[in-house]
Amino acid sequence: MDAVGLIGVVVGEMFGGSQGIGFMVAYGGQTFSTDTLFVGVIIIAAARIALTWLAERLERRFSQWRPER
């Protein structure tokens, strides 16, 4: 579920921002600057992986008291 928020932020930056990762990806696409575009995509992917890992760790930590199903 954390990916939905990240995608929303990036898309918002692509269409309405003047700075940020989404803006960098959109700018790289418009100017055919593939290195800028790929760096933005890699940053987004790394953030997604890190947020998923963090959410799973927090879920495991705080749901230890729950009985197994």
C-alpha atoms as a PDB file:
ATOM      1  CA  MET A   1       0.000   0.000   0.000  1.00  0.00           C
ATOM      2  CA  ASP A   2       2.940   2.324   0.538  1.00  0.00           C
ATOM      3  CA  ALA A   3       3.582   2.310  -3.209  1.00  0.00           C
ATOM      4  CA  VAL A   4       0.333   4.142  -3.889  1.00  0.00           C
ATOM      5  CA  GLY A   5       1.488   7.183  -1.930  1.00  0.00           C
ATOM      6  CA  LEU A   6       4.907   7.193  -3.579  1.00  0.00           C
ATOM      7  CA  ILE A   7       3.366   6.922  -7.044  1.00  0.00           C
ATOM      8  CA  GLY A   8       0.962   9.765  -6.228  1.00  0.00           C
ATOM      9  CA  VAL A   9       3.795  12.055  -5.160  1.00  0.00           C
ATOM     10  CA  VAL A  10       5.893  11.289  -8.240  1.00  0.00           C
ATOM     11  CA  VAL A  11       2.985  11.762 -10.656  1.00  0.00           C
ATOM     12  CA  GLY A  12       2.069  15.029  -8.933  1.00  0.00           C
ATOM     13  CA  GLU A  13       5.625  16.258  -9.361  1.00  0.00           C
ATOM     14  CA  MET A  14       5.633  15.197 -13.016  1.00  0.00           C
ATOM     15  CA  PHE A  15       2.579  17.265 -13.855  1.00  0.00           C
ATOM     16  CA  GLY A  16       2.696  20.177 -11.455  1.00  0.00           C
ATOM     17  CA  GLY A  17       6.109  20.413  -9.890  1.00  0.00           C
ATOM     18  CA  SER A  18       9.159  22.464 -10.678  1.00  0.00           C
ATOM     19  CA  GLN A  19      11.503  20.282  -8.642  1.00  0.00           C
ATOM     20  CA  GLY A  20      11.657  16.754  -7.269  1.00  0.00           C
ATOM     21  CA  ILE A  21      12.158  13.257  -8.635  1.00  0.00           C
ATOM     22  CA  GLY A  22       9.001  13.284 -10.760  1.00  0.00           C
ATOM     23  CA  PHE A  23      10.003  16.569 -12.326  1.00  0.00           C
ATOM     24  CA  MET A  24      13.492  15.185 -13.002  1.00  0.00           C
ATOM     25  CA  VAL A  25      12.049  12.125 -14.766  1.00  0.00           C
ATOM     26  CA  ALA A  26       9.651  14.249 -16.836  1.00  0.00           C
ATOM     27  CA  TYR A  27      12.406  16.716 -17.720  1.00  0.00           C
ATOM     28  CA  GLY A  28      14.748  13.897 -18.709  1.00  0.00           C
ATOM     29  CA  GLY A  29      12.057  12.445 -20.966  1.00  0.00           C
ATOM     30  CA  GLN A  30      11.272  15.764 -22.621  1.00  0.00           C
ATOM     31  CA  THR A  31      14.912  16.630 -23.302  1.00  0.00           C
ATOM     32  CA  PHE A  32      15.938  13.088 -24.340  1.00  0.00           C
ATOM     33  CA  SER A  33      18.386  13.004 -21.445  1.00  0.00           C
ATOM     34  CA  THR A  34      18.277   9.271 -20.787  1.00  0.00           C
ATOM     35  CA  ASP A  35      20.845   9.384 -17.991  1.00  0.00           C
ATOM     36  CA  THR A  36      18.689  11.840 -16.007  1.00  0.00           C
ATOM     37  CA  LEU A  37      15.589   9.784 -16.705  1.00  0.00           C
ATOM     38  CA  PHE A  38      17.178   6.513 -15.588  1.00  0.00           C
ATOM     39  CA  VAL A  39      18.661   8.037 -12.437  1.00  0.00           C
ATOM     40  CA  GLY A  40      15.176   9.216 -11.482  1.00  0.00           C
ATOM     41  CA  VAL A  41      13.673   5.811 -12.166  1.00  0.00           C
ATOM     42  CA  ILE A  42      16.391   4.096 -10.122  1.00  0.00           C
ATOM     43  CA  ILE A  43      15.833   6.505  -7.215  1.00  0.00           C
ATOM     44  CA  ILE A  44      12.084   5.828  -7.323  1.00  0.00           C
ATOM     45  CA  ALA A  45      12.669   2.063  -7.414  1.00  0.00           C
ATOM     46  CA  ALA A  46      15.138   2.235  -4.514  1.00  0.00           C
ATOM     47  CA  ALA A  47      12.708   4.324  -2.464  1.00  0.00           C
ATOM     48  CA  ARG A  48       9.937   1.812  -3.189  1.00  0.00           C
ATOM     49  CA  ILE A  49      12.121  -1.110  -2.080  1.00  0.00           C
ATOM     50  CA  ALA A  50      13.216   0.715   1.084  1.00  0.00           C
ATOM     51  CA  LEU A  51       9.661   1.729   2.015  1.00  0.00           C
ATOM     52  CA  THR A  52       8.358  -1.801   1.476  1.00  0.00           C
ATOM     53  CA  TRP A  53      11.160  -3.246   3.599  1.00  0.00           C
ATOM     54  CA  LEU A  54      10.491  -0.711   6.358  1.00  0.00           C
ATOM     55  CA  ALA A  55       6.740  -1.347   6.328  1.00  0.00           C
ATOM     56  CA  GLU A  56       7.271  -5.112   6.561  1.00  0.00           C
ATOM     57  CA  ARG A  57       9.706  -4.712   9.463  1.00  0.00           C
ATOM     58  CA  LEU A  58       7.309  -2.424  11.319  1.00  0.00           C
ATOM     59  CA  GLU A  59       4.421  -4.799  10.714  1.00  0.00           C
ATOM     60  CA  ARG A  60       6.413  -7.746  12.071  1.00  0.00           C
ATOM     61  CA  ARG A  61       7.537  -5.710  15.071  1.00  0.00           C
ATOM     62  CA  PHE A  62       4.124  -4.423  16.090  1.00  0.00           C
ATOM     63  CA  SER A  63       2.079  -7.522  15.280  1.00  0.00           C
ATOM     64  CA  GLN A  64       4.014  -9.916  17.506  1.00  0.00           C
ATOM     65  CA  TRP A  65       1.289  -9.764  20.126  1.00  0.00           C
ATOM     66  CA  ARG A  66      -1.347 -11.016  17.671  1.00  0.00           C
ATOM     67  CA  PRO A  67      -2.075 -14.746  17.635  1.00  0.00           C
ATOM     68  CA  GLU A  68      -1.117 -16.667  14.510  1.00  0.00           C
ATOM     69  CA  ARG A  69      -3.935 -17.342  12.054  1.00  0.00           C
END
